[in-house]
């Protein structure tokens, strides 16, 4: 639950459907909205509250301008939800937690386990930095107009003290991206340019496996051993 002392930031408030409920609990809220007309609308609608709304692109804004220990909330635009999640991911050290409404399919990918159909690059990259839980599903009938898909609320809490870390995060990203770029290929083929056969042996990973079979820890070990 939000507290009056929290540093709350809403991403994409739109017409204020979520904002209405936030202001039932707090008096101060920051927000990022792309549409300048909606910025004017929101400032007028919440003129009696301390709403600090910034007109900017969620995919480009530097979240550090809102301070630290951020608590993020938002009904994220479904068509750009993955790019938003990757952008938020780059500011994880500034965030206390995040609660987002997303398409159910996206949340399933976020929390998926190795070996499942939903498990992929999004799963591995986010699970490296976040503990995530799908809290509940939301029927299309709860929205107006009703979308054609179910939605889910996800909670994201940063992992501050991961016991196994990537030596070089950019290399870790490269290994994960390459592995899933052709996910039906065996790892020895998809990663042949950056991981040699000896590396697979050293970390105890069968090179005949596919990306979907590896855990986050497997990817960390593979990236660390192949980093030069």
C-alpha atoms as a PDB file:
ATOM      1  CA  UNK A   1       0.000   0.000   0.000  1.00  0.00           C
ATOM      2  CA  UNK A   2       1.270   3.520  -0.756  1.00  0.00           C
ATOM      3  CA  UNK A   3       2.292   5.697   2.152  1.00  0.00           C
ATOM      4  CA  UNK A   4       2.372   9.496   2.367  1.00  0.00           C
ATOM      5  CA  UNK A   5       6.147   9.344   2.792  1.00  0.00           C
ATOM      6  CA  UNK A   6       6.677   7.322  -0.403  1.00  0.00           C
ATOM      7  CA  UNK A   7       8.331   8.704  -3.520  1.00  0.00           C
ATOM      8  CA  UNK A   8       5.561   7.617  -5.908  1.00  0.00           C
ATOM      9  CA  UNK A   9       5.876   7.868  -9.679  1.00  0.00           C
ATOM     10  CA  UNK A  10       3.064   6.935 -12.056  1.00  0.00           C
ATOM     11  CA  UNK A  11       4.004   6.055 -15.626  1.00  0.00           C
ATOM     12  CA  UNK A  12       1.422   7.086 -18.224  1.00  0.00           C
ATOM     13  CA  UNK A  13      -1.507   8.267 -16.078  1.00  0.00           C
ATOM     14  CA  UNK A  14      -3.681   9.048 -19.110  1.00  0.00           C
ATOM     15  CA  UNK A  15      -7.081  10.289 -17.924  1.00  0.00           C
ATOM     16  CA  UNK A  16      -6.311   9.448 -14.310  1.00  0.00           C
ATOM     17  CA  UNK A  17      -8.176   6.173 -13.713  1.00  0.00           C
ATOM     18  CA  UNK A  18      -5.383   4.900 -11.463  1.00  0.00           C
ATOM     19  CA  UNK A  19      -4.419   8.358 -10.244  1.00  0.00           C
ATOM     20  CA  UNK A  20      -7.864   8.816  -8.676  1.00  0.00           C
ATOM     21  CA  UNK A  21      -7.262   5.855  -6.385  1.00  0.00           C
ATOM     22  CA  UNK A  22      -3.685   6.840  -5.561  1.00  0.00           C
ATOM     23  CA  UNK A  23      -4.835  10.236  -4.333  1.00  0.00           C
ATOM     24  CA  UNK A  24      -7.246   8.513  -1.935  1.00  0.00           C
ATOM     25  CA  UNK A  25      -4.151   7.478   0.037  1.00  0.00           C
ATOM     26  CA  UNK A  26      -1.514  10.140  -0.642  1.00  0.00           C
ATOM     27  CA  UNK A  27      -1.379  13.859  -1.351  1.00  0.00           C
ATOM     28  CA  UNK A  28       1.795  13.935  -3.429  1.00  0.00           C
ATOM     29  CA  UNK A  29       2.521  12.142  -6.700  1.00  0.00           C
ATOM     30  CA  UNK A  30       4.906  12.500  -9.627  1.00  0.00           C
ATOM     31  CA  UNK A  31       3.883  11.338 -13.091  1.00  0.00           C
ATOM     32  CA  UNK A  32       5.220  11.035 -16.643  1.00  0.00           C
ATOM     33  CA  UNK A  33       2.783  11.582 -19.510  1.00  0.00           C
ATOM     34  CA  UNK A  34       3.635  11.841 -23.202  1.00  0.00           C
ATOM     35  CA  UNK A  35       0.515  13.636 -24.475  1.00  0.00           C
ATOM     36  CA  UNK A  36       0.758  17.404 -23.745  1.00  0.00           C
ATOM     37  CA  UNK A  37      -3.038  17.710 -23.826  1.00  0.00           C
ATOM     38  CA  UNK A  38      -3.355  15.125 -21.089  1.00  0.00           C
ATOM     39  CA  UNK A  39      -0.705  16.928 -19.054  1.00  0.00           C
ATOM     40  CA  UNK A  40      -2.889  20.041 -19.091  1.00  0.00           C
ATOM     41  CA  UNK A  41      -5.961  17.930 -18.273  1.00  0.00           C
ATOM     42  CA  UNK A  42      -4.254  16.205 -15.341  1.00  0.00           C
ATOM     43  CA  UNK A  43      -2.921  19.441 -13.848  1.00  0.00           C
ATOM     44  CA  UNK A  44      -6.416  20.901 -13.942  1.00  0.00           C
ATOM     45  CA  UNK A  45      -8.149  17.751 -12.653  1.00  0.00           C
ATOM     46  CA  UNK A  46      -5.796  17.419  -9.691  1.00  0.00           C
ATOM     47  CA  UNK A  47      -5.206  21.100  -9.005  1.00  0.00           C
ATOM     48  CA  UNK A  48      -6.077  20.553  -5.338  1.00  0.00           C
ATOM     49  CA  UNK A  49      -3.361  17.915  -4.987  1.00  0.00           C
ATOM     50  CA  UNK A  50       0.409  17.979  -5.303  1.00  0.00           C
ATOM     51  CA  UNK A  51       0.699  16.368  -8.734  1.00  0.00           C
ATOM     52  CA  UNK A  52       4.078  16.934 -10.374  1.00  0.00           C
ATOM     53  CA  UNK A  53       3.418  15.757 -13.902  1.00  0.00           C
ATOM     54  CA  UNK A  54       6.222  15.862 -16.466  1.00  0.00           C
ATOM     55  CA  UNK A  55       5.525  15.795 -20.191  1.00  0.00           C
ATOM     56  CA  UNK A  56       8.032  13.310 -21.598  1.00  0.00           C
ATOM     57  CA  UNK A  57       8.512   9.956 -23.315  1.00  0.00           C
ATOM     58  CA  UNK A  58       8.581   7.042 -20.843  1.00  0.00           C
ATOM     59  CA  UNK A  59      11.055   5.255 -23.104  1.00  0.00           C
ATOM     60  CA  UNK A  60      13.553   8.118 -23.000  1.00  0.00           C
ATOM     61  CA  UNK A  61      13.201   9.845 -19.651  1.00  0.00           C
ATOM     62  CA  UNK A  62      15.979   9.643 -17.075  1.00  0.00           C
ATOM     63  CA  UNK A  63      14.165   8.363 -13.981  1.00  0.00           C
ATOM     64  CA  UNK A  64      16.940   9.670 -11.741  1.00  0.00           C
ATOM     65  CA  UNK A  65      15.399  13.134 -12.076  1.00  0.00           C
ATOM     66  CA  UNK A  66      12.670  11.907  -9.696  1.00  0.00           C
ATOM     67  CA  UNK A  67      15.111  10.942  -6.955  1.00  0.00           C
ATOM     68  CA  UNK A  68      15.724   7.582  -5.301  1.00  0.00           C
ATOM     69  CA  UNK A  69      13.655   4.883  -3.562  1.00  0.00           C
ATOM     70  CA  UNK A  70      11.054   5.270  -6.269  1.00  0.00           C
ATOM     71  CA  UNK A  71       7.813   3.337  -6.060  1.00  0.00           C
ATOM     72  CA  UNK A  72       6.577   2.954  -9.633  1.00  0.00           C
ATOM     73  CA  UNK A  73       2.971   2.314 -10.618  1.00  0.00           C
ATOM     74  CA  UNK A  74       1.179   2.286 -13.930  1.00  0.00           C
ATOM     75  CA  UNK A  75      -1.245   0.763 -16.372  1.00  0.00           C
ATOM     76  CA  UNK A  76       1.417   0.474 -19.062  1.00  0.00           C
ATOM     77  CA  UNK A  77       0.592   0.751 -22.777  1.00  0.00           C
ATOM     78  CA  UNK A  78       0.435  -2.862 -23.908  1.00  0.00           C
ATOM     79  CA  UNK A  79       1.972  -2.238 -27.337  1.00  0.00           C
ATOM     80  CA  UNK A  80       5.244  -0.925 -25.870  1.00  0.00           C
ATOM     81  CA  UNK A  81       5.279  -2.736 -22.519  1.00  0.00           C
ATOM     82  CA  UNK A  82       8.495  -4.709 -23.137  1.00  0.00           C
ATOM     83  CA  UNK A  83      10.546  -1.622 -24.162  1.00  0.00           C
ATOM     84  CA  UNK A  84       9.240   0.178 -21.058  1.00  0.00           C
ATOM     85  CA  UNK A  85      10.241  -2.737 -18.834  1.00  0.00           C
ATOM     86  CA  UNK A  86      13.744  -2.802 -20.313  1.00  0.00           C
ATOM     87  CA  UNK A  87      14.028   0.967 -19.762  1.00  0.00           C
ATOM     88  CA  UNK A  88      12.865   0.668 -16.143  1.00  0.00           C
ATOM     89  CA  UNK A  89      15.324  -2.205 -15.721  1.00  0.00           C
ATOM     90  CA  UNK A  90      18.244   0.150 -16.339  1.00  0.00           C
ATOM     91  CA  UNK A  91      17.235   2.219 -13.279  1.00  0.00           C
ATOM     92  CA  UNK A  92      16.642  -0.692 -10.895  1.00  0.00           C
ATOM     93  CA  UNK A  93      19.085   0.674  -8.289  1.00  0.00           C
ATOM     94  CA  UNK A  94      16.863   3.762  -7.825  1.00  0.00           C
ATOM     95  CA  UNK A  95      13.659   1.792  -7.348  1.00  0.00           C
ATOM     96  CA  UNK A  96      12.089   0.436  -4.175  1.00  0.00           C
ATOM     97  CA  UNK A  97       9.383  -1.504  -5.993  1.00  0.00           C
ATOM     98  CA  UNK A  98       7.092  -1.369  -9.014  1.00  0.00           C
ATOM     99  CA  UNK A  99       3.498  -2.446  -9.580  1.00  0.00           C
ATOM    100  CA  UNK A 100       2.347  -2.571 -13.193  1.00  0.00           C
ATOM    101  CA  UNK A 101      -0.812  -3.648 -14.988  1.00  0.00           C
ATOM    102  CA  UNK A 102       0.201  -5.466 -18.155  1.00  0.00           C
ATOM    103  CA  UNK A 103      -1.150  -7.897 -20.684  1.00  0.00           C
ATOM    104  CA  UNK A 104      -1.363 -11.292 -18.967  1.00  0.00           C
ATOM    105  CA  UNK A 105       0.852 -12.886 -21.601  1.00  0.00           C
ATOM    106  CA  UNK A 106       3.655 -10.409 -20.864  1.00  0.00           C
ATOM    107  CA  UNK A 107       3.489 -11.032 -17.111  1.00  0.00           C
ATOM    108  CA  UNK A 108       3.630 -14.783 -17.766  1.00  0.00           C
ATOM    109  CA  UNK A 109       6.837 -14.205 -19.735  1.00  0.00           C
ATOM    110  CA  UNK A 110       8.290 -12.055 -16.949  1.00  0.00           C
ATOM    111  CA  UNK A 111       7.853 -14.683 -14.234  1.00  0.00           C
ATOM    112  CA  UNK A 112       8.338 -17.812 -16.391  1.00  0.00           C
ATOM    113  CA  UNK A 113      10.621 -20.651 -15.307  1.00  0.00           C
ATOM    114  CA  UNK A 114      13.300 -22.320 -17.476  1.00  0.00           C
ATOM    115  CA  UNK A 115      11.875 -24.944 -19.788  1.00  0.00           C
ATOM    116  CA  UNK A 116       8.468 -23.311 -20.150  1.00  0.00           C
ATOM    117  CA  UNK A 117       7.143 -21.907 -23.423  1.00  0.00           C
ATOM    118  CA  UNK A 118       6.887 -18.404 -21.946  1.00  0.00           C
ATOM    119  CA  UNK A 119      10.530 -18.342 -20.803  1.00  0.00           C
ATOM    120  CA  UNK A 120      12.693 -16.078 -22.931  1.00  0.00           C
ATOM    121  CA  UNK A 121      14.970 -13.051 -23.091  1.00  0.00           C
ATOM    122  CA  UNK A 122      12.545 -10.872 -21.139  1.00  0.00           C
ATOM    123  CA  UNK A 123      12.383 -13.486 -18.368  1.00  0.00           C
ATOM    124  CA  UNK A 124      16.160 -13.821 -18.056  1.00  0.00           C
ATOM    125  CA  UNK A 125      16.995 -10.116 -18.227  1.00  0.00           C
ATOM    126  CA  UNK A 126      14.371  -9.076 -15.674  1.00  0.00           C
ATOM    127  CA  UNK A 127      14.880 -12.005 -13.310  1.00  0.00           C
ATOM    128  CA  UNK A 128      18.568 -11.108 -13.065  1.00  0.00           C
ATOM    129  CA  UNK A 129      17.627  -7.871 -11.305  1.00  0.00           C
ATOM    130  CA  UNK A 130      14.109  -8.400  -9.948  1.00  0.00           C
ATOM    131  CA  UNK A 131      12.041 -10.701  -7.801  1.00  0.00           C
ATOM    132  CA  UNK A 132       8.672 -10.710  -9.548  1.00  0.00           C
ATOM    133  CA  UNK A 133       5.233 -12.039  -8.691  1.00  0.00           C
ATOM    134  CA  UNK A 134       2.040 -12.148 -10.704  1.00  0.00           C
ATOM    135  CA  UNK A 135      -0.498 -10.962  -8.133  1.00  0.00           C
ATOM    136  CA  UNK A 136      -3.838 -11.431  -9.891  1.00  0.00           C
ATOM    137  CA  UNK A 137      -5.546 -11.426 -13.279  1.00  0.00           C
ATOM    138  CA  UNK A 138      -7.992  -8.798 -14.498  1.00  0.00           C
ATOM    139  CA  UNK A 139     -10.867  -9.508 -16.886  1.00  0.00           C
ATOM    140  CA  UNK A 140     -11.299  -7.399 -20.048  1.00  0.00           C
ATOM    141  CA  UNK A 141     -14.729  -6.471 -18.673  1.00  0.00           C
ATOM    142  CA  UNK A 142     -13.041  -4.316 -16.027  1.00  0.00           C
ATOM    143  CA  UNK A 143     -11.962  -1.829 -18.701  1.00  0.00           C
ATOM    144  CA  UNK A 144     -13.842   0.572 -20.929  1.00  0.00           C
ATOM    145  CA  UNK A 145     -13.491   0.008 -23.783  1.00  0.00           C
ATOM    146  CA  UNK A 146     -12.797  -3.660 -23.075  1.00  0.00           C
ATOM    147  CA  UNK A 147      -9.537  -4.976 -24.595  1.00  0.00           C
ATOM    148  CA  UNK A 148      -9.408  -8.346 -26.334  1.00  0.00           C
ATOM    149  CA  UNK A 149      -6.934  -9.759 -23.816  1.00  0.00           C
ATOM    150  CA  UNK A 150      -6.749 -10.479 -20.096  1.00  0.00           C
ATOM    151  CA  UNK A 151      -4.474  -8.364 -17.930  1.00  0.00           C
ATOM    152  CA  UNK A 152      -2.382  -9.116 -14.841  1.00  0.00           C
ATOM    153  CA  UNK A 153      -0.879  -7.078 -12.028  1.00  0.00           C
ATOM    154  CA  UNK A 154       2.799  -7.756 -11.453  1.00  0.00           C
ATOM    155  CA  UNK A 155       4.948  -6.764  -8.486  1.00  0.00           C
ATOM    156  CA  UNK A 156       8.659  -6.144  -9.065  1.00  0.00           C
ATOM    157  CA  UNK A 157      11.170  -5.824  -6.220  1.00  0.00           C
ATOM    158  CA  UNK A 158      14.869  -5.197  -6.994  1.00  0.00           C
ATOM    159  CA  UNK A 159      17.373  -7.872  -5.977  1.00  0.00           C
ATOM    160  CA  UNK A 160      19.971  -5.787  -4.178  1.00  0.00           C
ATOM    161  CA  UNK A 161      22.374  -8.539  -3.137  1.00  0.00           C
ATOM    162  CA  UNK A 162      22.501 -11.200  -5.843  1.00  0.00           C
ATOM    163  CA  UNK A 163      24.935 -13.930  -4.757  1.00  0.00           C
ATOM    164  CA  UNK A 164      26.168 -14.523  -8.315  1.00  0.00           C
ATOM    165  CA  UNK A 165      26.711 -11.415 -10.441  1.00  0.00           C
ATOM    166  CA  UNK A 166      27.762 -10.806 -14.012  1.00  0.00           C
ATOM    167  CA  UNK A 167      31.366  -9.592 -14.288  1.00  0.00           C
ATOM    168  CA  UNK A 168      30.326  -7.428 -17.206  1.00  0.00           C
ATOM    169  CA  UNK A 169      26.612  -6.687 -17.579  1.00  0.00           C
ATOM    170  CA  UNK A 170      26.901  -5.697 -21.242  1.00  0.00           C
ATOM    171  CA  UNK A 171      28.471  -9.047 -22.067  1.00  0.00           C
ATOM    172  CA  UNK A 172      25.750 -10.815 -20.091  1.00  0.00           C
ATOM    173  CA  UNK A 173      23.139  -8.953 -22.169  1.00  0.00           C
ATOM    174  CA  UNK A 174      24.930  -9.986 -25.365  1.00  0.00           C
ATOM    175  CA  UNK A 175      25.035 -13.671 -24.404  1.00  0.00           C
ATOM    176  CA  UNK A 176      21.336 -13.697 -23.480  1.00  0.00           C
ATOM    177  CA  UNK A 177      20.306 -11.805 -26.628  1.00  0.00           C
ATOM    178  CA  UNK A 178      22.330 -14.075 -28.927  1.00  0.00           C
ATOM    179  CA  UNK A 179      21.054 -17.230 -27.226  1.00  0.00           C
ATOM    180  CA  UNK A 180      17.419 -16.263 -27.710  1.00  0.00           C
ATOM    181  CA  UNK A 181      17.814 -14.668 -31.152  1.00  0.00           C
ATOM    182  CA  UNK A 182      17.300 -18.101 -32.690  1.00  0.00           C
ATOM    183  CA  UNK A 183      15.841 -19.961 -29.742  1.00  0.00           C
ATOM    184  CA  UNK A 184      15.364 -23.270 -31.566  1.00  0.00           C
ATOM    185  CA  UNK A 185      19.094 -23.527 -32.234  1.00  0.00           C
ATOM    186  CA  UNK A 186      21.447 -25.362 -29.873  1.00  0.00           C
ATOM    187  CA  UNK A 187      23.613 -23.070 -27.762  1.00  0.00           C
ATOM    188  CA  UNK A 188      26.808 -24.201 -29.470  1.00  0.00           C
ATOM    189  CA  UNK A 189      25.401 -22.767 -32.707  1.00  0.00           C
ATOM    190  CA  UNK A 190      23.652 -19.623 -31.477  1.00  0.00           C
ATOM    191  CA  UNK A 191      26.647 -18.639 -29.302  1.00  0.00           C
ATOM    192  CA  UNK A 192      29.482 -19.961 -31.485  1.00  0.00           C
ATOM    193  CA  UNK A 193      30.958 -16.472 -32.049  1.00  0.00           C
ATOM    194  CA  UNK A 194      31.246 -15.586 -28.353  1.00  0.00           C
ATOM    195  CA  UNK A 195      31.366 -18.856 -26.372  1.00  0.00           C
ATOM    196  CA  UNK A 196      33.778 -21.686 -27.233  1.00  0.00           C
ATOM    197  CA  UNK A 197      33.406 -25.398 -26.506  1.00  0.00           C
ATOM    198  CA  UNK A 198      35.830 -25.315 -23.561  1.00  0.00           C
ATOM    199  CA  UNK A 199      33.713 -22.677 -21.834  1.00  0.00           C
ATOM    200  CA  UNK A 200      30.628 -24.890 -21.920  1.00  0.00           C
ATOM    201  CA  UNK A 201      32.646 -27.705 -20.359  1.00  0.00           C
ATOM    202  CA  UNK A 202      34.110 -25.445 -17.670  1.00  0.00           C
ATOM    203  CA  UNK A 203      30.698 -24.254 -16.436  1.00  0.00           C
ATOM    204  CA  UNK A 204      29.098 -27.674 -16.827  1.00  0.00           C
ATOM    205  CA  UNK A 205      26.495 -26.733 -19.446  1.00  0.00           C
ATOM    206  CA  UNK A 206      25.605 -29.053 -22.306  1.00  0.00           C
ATOM    207  CA  UNK A 207      26.172 -27.086 -25.516  1.00  0.00           C
ATOM    208  CA  UNK A 208      23.401 -29.095 -27.181  1.00  0.00           C
ATOM    209  CA  UNK A 209      20.805 -27.439 -24.957  1.00  0.00           C
ATOM    210  CA  UNK A 210      18.693 -24.519 -26.133  1.00  0.00           C
ATOM    211  CA  UNK A 211      18.439 -21.103 -24.500  1.00  0.00           C
ATOM    212  CA  UNK A 212      15.076 -21.893 -22.877  1.00  0.00           C
ATOM    213  CA  UNK A 213      16.739 -24.678 -20.822  1.00  0.00           C
ATOM    214  CA  UNK A 214      19.190 -22.399 -18.991  1.00  0.00           C
ATOM    215  CA  UNK A 215      18.504 -20.675 -15.673  1.00  0.00           C
ATOM    216  CA  UNK A 216      19.554 -17.103 -14.912  1.00  0.00           C
ATOM    217  CA  UNK A 217      22.493 -18.497 -12.932  1.00  0.00           C
ATOM    218  CA  UNK A 218      23.509 -20.631 -15.929  1.00  0.00           C
ATOM    219  CA  UNK A 219      23.563 -17.539 -18.126  1.00  0.00           C
ATOM    220  CA  UNK A 220      25.598 -15.611 -15.541  1.00  0.00           C
ATOM    221  CA  UNK A 221      28.190 -18.383 -15.317  1.00  0.00           C
ATOM    222  CA  UNK A 222      28.353 -18.721 -19.096  1.00  0.00           C
ATOM    223  CA  UNK A 223      28.775 -14.971 -19.554  1.00  0.00           C
ATOM    224  CA  UNK A 224      31.405 -14.692 -16.822  1.00  0.00           C
ATOM    225  CA  UNK A 225      33.493 -17.573 -18.129  1.00  0.00           C
ATOM    226  CA  UNK A 226      33.348 -16.298 -21.734  1.00  0.00           C
ATOM    227  CA  UNK A 227      34.082 -12.657 -20.872  1.00  0.00           C
ATOM    228  CA  UNK A 228      37.500 -11.503 -22.072  1.00  0.00           C
END
